[in-house]
C-alpha atoms as a PDB file:
ATOM      1  CA  MET A   1     114.815  87.292  95.275  1.00  0.00           C
ATOM      2  CA  GLU A   2     114.180  84.200  93.145  1.00  0.00           C
ATOM      3  CA  ASP A   3     110.426  84.828  92.915  1.00  0.00           C
ATOM      4  CA  ILE A   4     110.778  88.395  91.619  1.00  0.00           C
ATOM      5  CA  LYS A   5     109.323  88.899  88.145  1.00  0.00           C
ATOM      6  CA  LEU A   6     108.345  92.580  88.275  1.00  0.00           C
ATOM      7  CA  ILE A   7     110.488  95.551  89.312  1.00  0.00           C
ATOM      8  CA  ILE A   8     108.704  98.863  89.786  1.00  0.00           C
ATOM      9  CA  PHE A   9     110.647 102.131  89.901  1.00  0.00           C
ATOM     10  CA  ASP A  10     109.795 105.560  91.181  1.00  0.00           C
ATOM     11  CA  LEU A  11     110.946 108.238  88.727  1.00  0.00           C
ATOM     12  CA  ASP A  12     112.136 111.481  90.354  1.00  0.00           C
ATOM     13  CA  GLY A  13     114.996 111.055  92.783  1.00  0.00           C
ATOM     14  CA  THR A  14     115.356 107.374  91.885  1.00  0.00           C
ATOM     15  CA  LEU A  15     116.121 107.249  88.158  1.00  0.00           C
ATOM     16  CA  ILE A  16     116.078 110.921  87.289  1.00  0.00           C
ATOM     17  CA  ASP A  17     117.531 114.042  88.874  1.00  0.00           C
ATOM     18  CA  ALA A  18     114.933 116.633  87.895  1.00  0.00           C
ATOM     19  CA  TYR A  19     115.512 118.870  90.911  1.00  0.00           C
ATOM     20  CA  PRO A  20     117.064 121.750  88.906  1.00  0.00           C
ATOM     21  CA  ALA A  21     113.989 121.812  86.649  1.00  0.00           C
ATOM     22  CA  ILE A  22     111.584 121.593  89.582  1.00  0.00           C
ATOM     23  CA  ILE A  23     113.354 124.385  91.472  1.00  0.00           C
ATOM     24  CA  SER A  24     113.401 126.585  88.360  1.00  0.00           C
ATOM     25  CA  SER A  25     109.678 126.092  87.657  1.00  0.00           C
ATOM     26  CA  PHE A  26     108.731 126.500  91.305  1.00  0.00           C
ATOM     27  CA  ASN A  27     110.519 129.821  91.742  1.00  0.00           C
ATOM     28  CA  TYR A  28     109.328 131.097  88.354  1.00  0.00           C
ATOM     29  CA  THR A  29     105.761 130.439  89.503  1.00  0.00           C
ATOM     30  CA  MET A  30     106.281 132.096  92.879  1.00  0.00           C
ATOM     31  CA  GLN A  31     107.851 135.146  91.284  1.00  0.00           C
ATOM     32  CA  TYR A  32     105.124 135.395  88.628  1.00  0.00           C
ATOM     33  CA  LEU A  33     102.451 135.469  91.351  1.00  0.00           C
ATOM     34  CA  ASN A  34     104.411 137.852  93.591  1.00  0.00           C
ATOM     35  CA  TYR A  35     105.283 135.290  96.231  1.00  0.00           C
ATOM     36  CA  PRO A  36     108.812 135.037  97.683  1.00  0.00           C
ATOM     37  CA  LYS A  37     111.196 132.603  96.010  1.00  0.00           C
ATOM     38  CA  LYS A  38     112.393 129.673  98.119  1.00  0.00           C
ATOM     39  CA  GLN A  39     115.813 128.137  98.610  1.00  0.00           C
ATOM     40  CA  ALA A  40     116.610 124.935  96.760  1.00  0.00           C
ATOM     41  CA  GLY A  41     116.706 122.850  99.942  1.00  0.00           C
ATOM     42  CA  VAL A  42     113.212 123.939 100.963  1.00  0.00           C
ATOM     43  CA  ILE A  43     111.783 123.056  97.550  1.00  0.00           C
ATOM     44  CA  ARG A  44     113.631 119.756  97.411  1.00  0.00           C
ATOM     45  CA  ARG A  45     112.141 118.628 100.730  1.00  0.00           C
ATOM     46  CA  ALA A  46     108.627 119.338  99.384  1.00  0.00           C
ATOM     47  CA  VAL A  47     109.077 117.175  96.267  1.00  0.00           C
ATOM     48  CA  GLY A  48     107.510 113.742  95.953  1.00  0.00           C
ATOM     49  CA  TRP A  49     103.804 114.361  96.514  1.00  0.00           C
ATOM     50  CA  GLY A  50     102.903 115.665  93.044  1.00  0.00           C
ATOM     51  CA  ASP A  51     103.048 119.217  91.712  1.00  0.00           C
ATOM     52  CA  GLU A  52      99.822 120.393  93.363  1.00  0.00           C
ATOM     53  CA  ASN A  53     101.085 119.372  96.794  1.00  0.00           C
ATOM     54  CA  LEU A  54     104.464 120.907  95.981  1.00  0.00           C
ATOM     55  CA  LEU A  55     102.952 124.348  95.469  1.00  0.00           C
ATOM     56  CA  LYS A  56     100.052 124.301  97.918  1.00  0.00           C
ATOM     57  CA  PRO A  57     101.953 125.031 101.181  1.00  0.00           C
ATOM     58  CA  PHE A  58     103.597 128.160  99.777  1.00  0.00           C
ATOM     59  CA  LEU A  59     100.661 130.193  98.480  1.00  0.00           C
ATOM     60  CA  ASN A  60      97.031 131.101  99.119  1.00  0.00           C
ATOM     61  CA  LEU A  61      94.589 128.402  98.014  1.00  0.00           C
ATOM     62  CA  LYS A  62      92.785 130.921  95.779  1.00  0.00           C
ATOM     63  CA  ASP A  63      95.971 131.104  93.683  1.00  0.00           C
ATOM     64  CA  LEU A  64      96.611 127.360  93.441  1.00  0.00           C
ATOM     65  CA  LYS A  65      94.781 126.693  90.179  1.00  0.00           C
ATOM     66  CA  LYS A  66      96.554 129.546  88.414  1.00  0.00           C
ATOM     67  CA  ALA A  67      99.879 128.556  89.957  1.00  0.00           C
ATOM     68  CA  LEU A  68      99.516 125.012  88.604  1.00  0.00           C
ATOM     69  CA  LEU A  69      98.898 126.319  85.083  1.00  0.00           C
ATOM     70  CA  ILE A  70     101.947 128.578  85.285  1.00  0.00           C
ATOM     71  CA  TYR A  71     104.135 125.866  86.806  1.00  0.00           C
ATOM     72  CA  ARG A  72     103.168 123.228  84.259  1.00  0.00           C
ATOM     73  CA  ARG A  73     103.587 125.553  81.290  1.00  0.00           C
ATOM     74  CA  HIS A  74     107.086 126.481  82.436  1.00  0.00           C
ATOM     75  CA  HIS A  75     107.950 122.931  83.454  1.00  0.00           C
ATOM     76  CA  LYS A  76     107.464 121.487  79.964  1.00  0.00           C
ATOM     77  CA  THR A  77     110.528 123.430  78.844  1.00  0.00           C
ATOM     78  CA  ALA A  78     112.443 123.320  82.124  1.00  0.00           C
ATOM     79  CA  LEU A  79     112.468 119.517  82.128  1.00  0.00           C
ATOM     80  CA  LEU A  80     114.225 119.422  78.771  1.00  0.00           C
ATOM     81  CA  LYS A  81     116.963 121.686  80.095  1.00  0.00           C
ATOM     82  CA  GLY A  82     117.324 120.689  83.733  1.00  0.00           C
ATOM     83  CA  ALA A  83     116.762 116.937  84.058  1.00  0.00           C
ATOM     84  CA  ARG A  84     119.387 114.203  83.856  1.00  0.00           C
ATOM     85  CA  LEU A  85     119.731 110.534  84.680  1.00  0.00           C
ATOM     86  CA  PHE A  86     121.546 109.411  87.778  1.00  0.00           C
ATOM     87  CA  THR A  87     124.785 107.539  87.130  1.00  0.00           C
ATOM     88  CA  GLY A  88     124.316 103.996  85.876  1.00  0.00           C
ATOM     89  CA  VAL A  89     120.584 104.128  85.119  1.00  0.00           C
ATOM     90  CA  HIS A  90     120.880 102.810  81.563  1.00  0.00           C
ATOM     91  CA  LYS A  91     123.246 100.081  82.753  1.00  0.00           C
ATOM     92  CA  VAL A  92     120.855  98.944  85.473  1.00  0.00           C
ATOM     93  CA  LEU A  93     117.721  98.986  83.333  1.00  0.00           C
ATOM     94  CA  GLN A  94     119.385  97.232  80.407  1.00  0.00           C
ATOM     95  CA  TYR A  95     120.738  94.526  82.703  1.00  0.00           C
ATOM     96  CA  LEU A  96     117.314  93.943  84.232  1.00  0.00           C
ATOM     97  CA  LYS A  97     115.636  93.917  80.828  1.00  0.00           C
ATOM     98  CA  ASN A  98     118.156  91.384  79.540  1.00  0.00           C
ATOM     99  CA  LYS A  99     117.414  89.201  82.572  1.00  0.00           C
ATOM    100  CA  GLY A 100     113.742  89.116  81.624  1.00  0.00           C
ATOM    101  CA  TYR A 101     112.254  91.220  84.402  1.00  0.00           C
ATOM    102  CA  ILE A 102     109.047  93.154  83.744  1.00  0.00           C
ATOM    103  CA  LEU A 103     109.858  96.822  84.414  1.00  0.00           C
ATOM    104  CA  ALA A 104     107.371  99.517  85.371  1.00  0.00           C
ATOM    105  CA  VAL A 105     107.249 103.102  86.638  1.00  0.00           C
ATOM    106  CA  ALA A 106     105.083 104.288  89.556  1.00  0.00           C
ATOM    107  CA  SER A 107     105.229 108.082  89.845  1.00  0.00           C
ATOM    108  CA  ASN A 108     103.358 110.808  91.689  1.00  0.00           C
ATOM    109  CA  ARG A 109     104.116 113.038  88.698  1.00  0.00           C
ATOM    110  CA  PRO A 110     101.316 113.668  86.180  1.00  0.00           C
ATOM    111  CA  THR A 111     101.453 111.328  83.173  1.00  0.00           C
ATOM    112  CA  LYS A 112     102.277 114.089  80.681  1.00  0.00           C
ATOM    113  CA  PHE A 113     105.411 115.193  82.504  1.00  0.00           C
ATOM    114  CA  SER A 114     106.540 111.675  83.296  1.00  0.00           C
ATOM    115  CA  TRP A 115     106.492 110.847  79.601  1.00  0.00           C
ATOM    116  CA  ILE A 116     108.336 114.074  78.725  1.00  0.00           C
ATOM    117  CA  LEU A 117     111.128 112.871  81.005  1.00  0.00           C
ATOM    118  CA  ILE A 118     111.043 109.263  79.840  1.00  0.00           C
ATOM    119  CA  HIS A 119     111.214 110.183  76.143  1.00  0.00           C
ATOM    120  CA  HIS A 120     113.756 112.969  76.593  1.00  0.00           C
ATOM    121  CA  LEU A 121     116.140 110.731  78.524  1.00  0.00           C
ATOM    122  CA  GLY A 122     115.696 107.663  76.338  1.00  0.00           C
ATOM    123  CA  LEU A 123     114.035 105.375  78.870  1.00  0.00           C
ATOM    124  CA  GLU A 124     110.909 104.310  76.977  1.00  0.00           C
ATOM    125  CA  LYS A 125     112.516 101.154  75.571  1.00  0.00           C
ATOM    126  CA  TYR A 126     112.922  99.680  79.043  1.00  0.00           C
ATOM    127  CA  PHE A 127     109.444  99.986  80.518  1.00  0.00           C
ATOM    128  CA  ASP A 128     106.465  97.707  80.031  1.00  0.00           C
ATOM    129  CA  TYR A 129     104.090 100.011  81.880  1.00  0.00           C
ATOM    130  CA  VAL A 130     104.017 103.538  83.332  1.00  0.00           C
ATOM    131  CA  LEU A 131     101.390 104.574  85.885  1.00  0.00           C
ATOM    132  CA  CYS A 132     101.152 108.088  87.332  1.00  0.00           C
ATOM    133  CA  ALA A 133      99.263 110.127  89.913  1.00  0.00           C
ATOM    134  CA  ASP A 134      96.604 111.568  87.608  1.00  0.00           C
ATOM    135  CA  ARG A 135      95.358 108.045  86.789  1.00  0.00           C
ATOM    136  CA  LEU A 136      94.760 107.193  90.452  1.00  0.00           C
ATOM    137  CA  ASN A 137      92.154 107.737  93.130  1.00  0.00           C
ATOM    138  CA  HIS A 138      94.889 107.964  95.780  1.00  0.00           C
ATOM    139  CA  ILE A 139      98.557 108.811  95.246  1.00  0.00           C
ATOM    140  CA  LYS A 140     101.521 107.402  97.146  1.00  0.00           C
ATOM    141  CA  PRO A 141     101.889 106.607 100.028  1.00  0.00           C
ATOM    142  CA  TYR A 142      98.571 104.846  99.364  1.00  0.00           C
ATOM    143  CA  PRO A 143      99.401 101.465  97.799  1.00  0.00           C
ATOM    144  CA  GLU A 144      96.916 101.773  94.919  1.00  0.00           C
ATOM    145  CA  ILE A 145      99.590 102.522  92.347  1.00  0.00           C
ATOM    146  CA  LEU A 146     101.613  99.395  93.162  1.00  0.00           C
ATOM    147  CA  ASN A 147      98.540  97.206  93.461  1.00  0.00           C
ATOM    148  CA  ARG A 148      97.285  98.270  90.045  1.00  0.00           C
ATOM    149  CA  ILE A 149     100.636  97.581  88.405  1.00  0.00           C
ATOM    150  CA  MET A 150     100.736  94.106  89.920  1.00  0.00           C
ATOM    151  CA  GLN A 151      97.152  93.472  88.796  1.00  0.00           C
ATOM    152  CA  ARG A 152      98.033  94.477  85.249  1.00  0.00           C
ATOM    153  CA  PHE A 153     100.569  91.645  85.087  1.00  0.00           C
ATOM    154  CA  SER A 154      98.561  89.208  87.256  1.00  0.00           C
ATOM    155  CA  LEU A 155     101.337  89.037  89.829  1.00  0.00           C
ATOM    156  CA  LYS A 156     101.363  88.756  93.616  1.00  0.00           C
ATOM    157  CA  PRO A 157     103.296  90.987  96.052  1.00  0.00           C
ATOM    158  CA  ARG A 158     105.970  88.326  96.620  1.00  0.00           C
ATOM    159  CA  GLN A 159     106.728  88.488  92.871  1.00  0.00           C
ATOM    160  CA  ALA A 160     107.357  92.242  92.856  1.00  0.00           C
ATOM    161  CA  LEU A 161     110.111  94.590  94.016  1.00  0.00           C
ATOM    162  CA  TYR A 162     109.720  98.349  94.401  1.00  0.00           C
ATOM    163  CA  VAL A 163     112.626 100.802  94.166  1.00  0.00           C
ATOM    164  CA  GLY A 164     112.156 104.393  95.345  1.00  0.00           C
ATOM    165  CA  ASP A 165     113.985 107.236  97.039  1.00  0.00           C
ATOM    166  CA  MET A 166     111.706 108.618  99.751  1.00  0.00           C
ATOM    167  CA  ASN A 167     110.142 107.635 103.030  1.00  0.00           C
ATOM    168  CA  ILE A 168     106.756 107.721 101.293  1.00  0.00           C
ATOM    169  CA  ASP A 169     108.059 105.126  98.824  1.00  0.00           C
ATOM    170  CA  ALA A 170     108.972 102.872 101.728  1.00  0.00           C
ATOM    171  CA  GLN A 171     105.509 103.423 103.211  1.00  0.00           C
ATOM    172  CA  THR A 172     103.855 102.633  99.875  1.00  0.00           C
ATOM    173  CA  GLY A 173     105.823  99.435  99.448  1.00  0.00           C
ATOM    174  CA  ARG A 174     105.038  98.283 102.973  1.00  0.00           C
ATOM    175  CA  ARG A 175     101.317  98.945 102.538  1.00  0.00           C
ATOM    176  CA  ALA A 176     101.354  96.926  99.306  1.00  0.00           C
ATOM    177  CA  ASN A 177     103.334  94.122 101.016  1.00  0.00           C
ATOM    178  CA  ILE A 178     106.086  94.501  98.408  1.00  0.00           C
ATOM    179  CA  LYS A 179     109.806  94.204  99.123  1.00  0.00           C
ATOM    180  CA  THR A 180     111.130  97.766  98.893  1.00  0.00           C
ATOM    181  CA  ILE A 181     114.610  99.152  98.308  1.00  0.00           C
ATOM    182  CA  ILE A 182     115.307 102.842  98.853  1.00  0.00           C
ATOM    183  CA  VAL A 183     118.161 104.738  97.219  1.00  0.00           C
ATOM    184  CA  THR A 184     119.394 107.848  99.063  1.00  0.00           C
ATOM    185  CA  THR A 185     119.457 110.168  96.042  1.00  0.00           C
ATOM    186  CA  GLY A 186     116.092 111.825  96.640  1.00  0.00           C
ATOM    187  CA  SER A 187     114.296 114.184  98.995  1.00  0.00           C
ATOM    188  CA  SER A 188     114.263 112.144 102.212  1.00  0.00           C
ATOM    189  CA  THR A 189     117.092 111.925 104.697  1.00  0.00           C
ATOM    190  CA  ARG A 190     118.578 108.551 105.591  1.00  0.00           C
ATOM    191  CA  ARG A 191     117.069 108.865 109.064  1.00  0.00           C
ATOM    192  CA  GLN A 192     113.582 109.421 107.611  1.00  0.00           C
ATOM    193  CA  ILE A 193     114.033 106.379 105.405  1.00  0.00           C
ATOM    194  CA  GLN A 194     115.352 104.183 108.210  1.00  0.00           C
ATOM    195  CA  LYS A 195     112.221 104.887 110.279  1.00  0.00           C
ATOM    196  CA  GLU A 196     110.155 103.152 107.598  1.00  0.00           C
ATOM    197  CA  LYS A 197     112.323 100.004 107.662  1.00  0.00           C
ATOM    198  CA  PRO A 198     112.566  99.138 103.954  1.00  0.00           C
ATOM    199  CA  LEU A 199     114.212  95.882 102.920  1.00  0.00           C
ATOM    200  CA  ARG A 200     117.440  97.670 101.980  1.00  0.00           C
ATOM    201  CA  ILE A 201     118.848 101.202 101.735  1.00  0.00           C
ATOM    202  CA  ILE A 202     121.428 101.834  99.004  1.00  0.00           C
ATOM    203  CA  LYS A 203     123.529 104.866  98.067  1.00  0.00           C
ATOM    204  CA  ARG A 204     123.395 104.486  94.273  1.00  0.00           C
ATOM    205  CA  LEU A 205     121.020 102.803  91.887  1.00  0.00           C
ATOM    206  CA  VAL A 206     123.814 100.618  90.503  1.00  0.00           C
ATOM    207  CA  ASP A 207     124.048  99.002  93.960  1.00  0.00           C
ATOM    208  CA  LEU A 208     120.741  97.333  93.108  1.00  0.00           C
ATOM    209  CA  LEU A 209     122.627  94.913  90.859  1.00  0.00           C
ATOM    210  CA  LYS A 210     124.572  93.589  93.843  1.00  0.00           C
ATOM    211  CA  ILE A 211     121.301  92.666  95.528  1.00  0.00           C
ATOM    212  CA  LEU A 212     119.681  91.038  92.509  1.00  0.00           C
END
């Protein structure tokens, strides 16, 4: 890992446990529009593709635009109540910052909500750049998001490391030719992750320090 200069992190499921907030906003939206509420496990498995793709499979397409407005309005408040950092996040990011790594976020969340989380949880001091789904032509697992972050810092794939929590993160890293580490704190099962053959699979984010 001697060539690594840039470490890119996914947000939800990797650094932040926002599942309680997502589940709350999802079921509020379903109930508001007279759709059945869903169990937490069902919602959790649908997370990772952005809020539009989260809602789309569970309602009629004619209701999607309204559902997004309802979800996002509720979610602004829900995030402040129901999101927390995974254990050791500050420790890991501070260590990496002290070592001189460039740190970035690559999230399928919209920019507005990513920054709500980052500010609320005190992460803004660590990151040199944040890039989100609504600034892209194609969201993960397309590699555009990682390629654009590397381009911003004039770095090559061998100089970057990507850390995520889902099989789509592993797919994104592979398509961008970036070494990828997956932590098993997100929506994908270990078996789903293993199929994508990332560089390493870890149980906790703090295990990243053993690798670096």
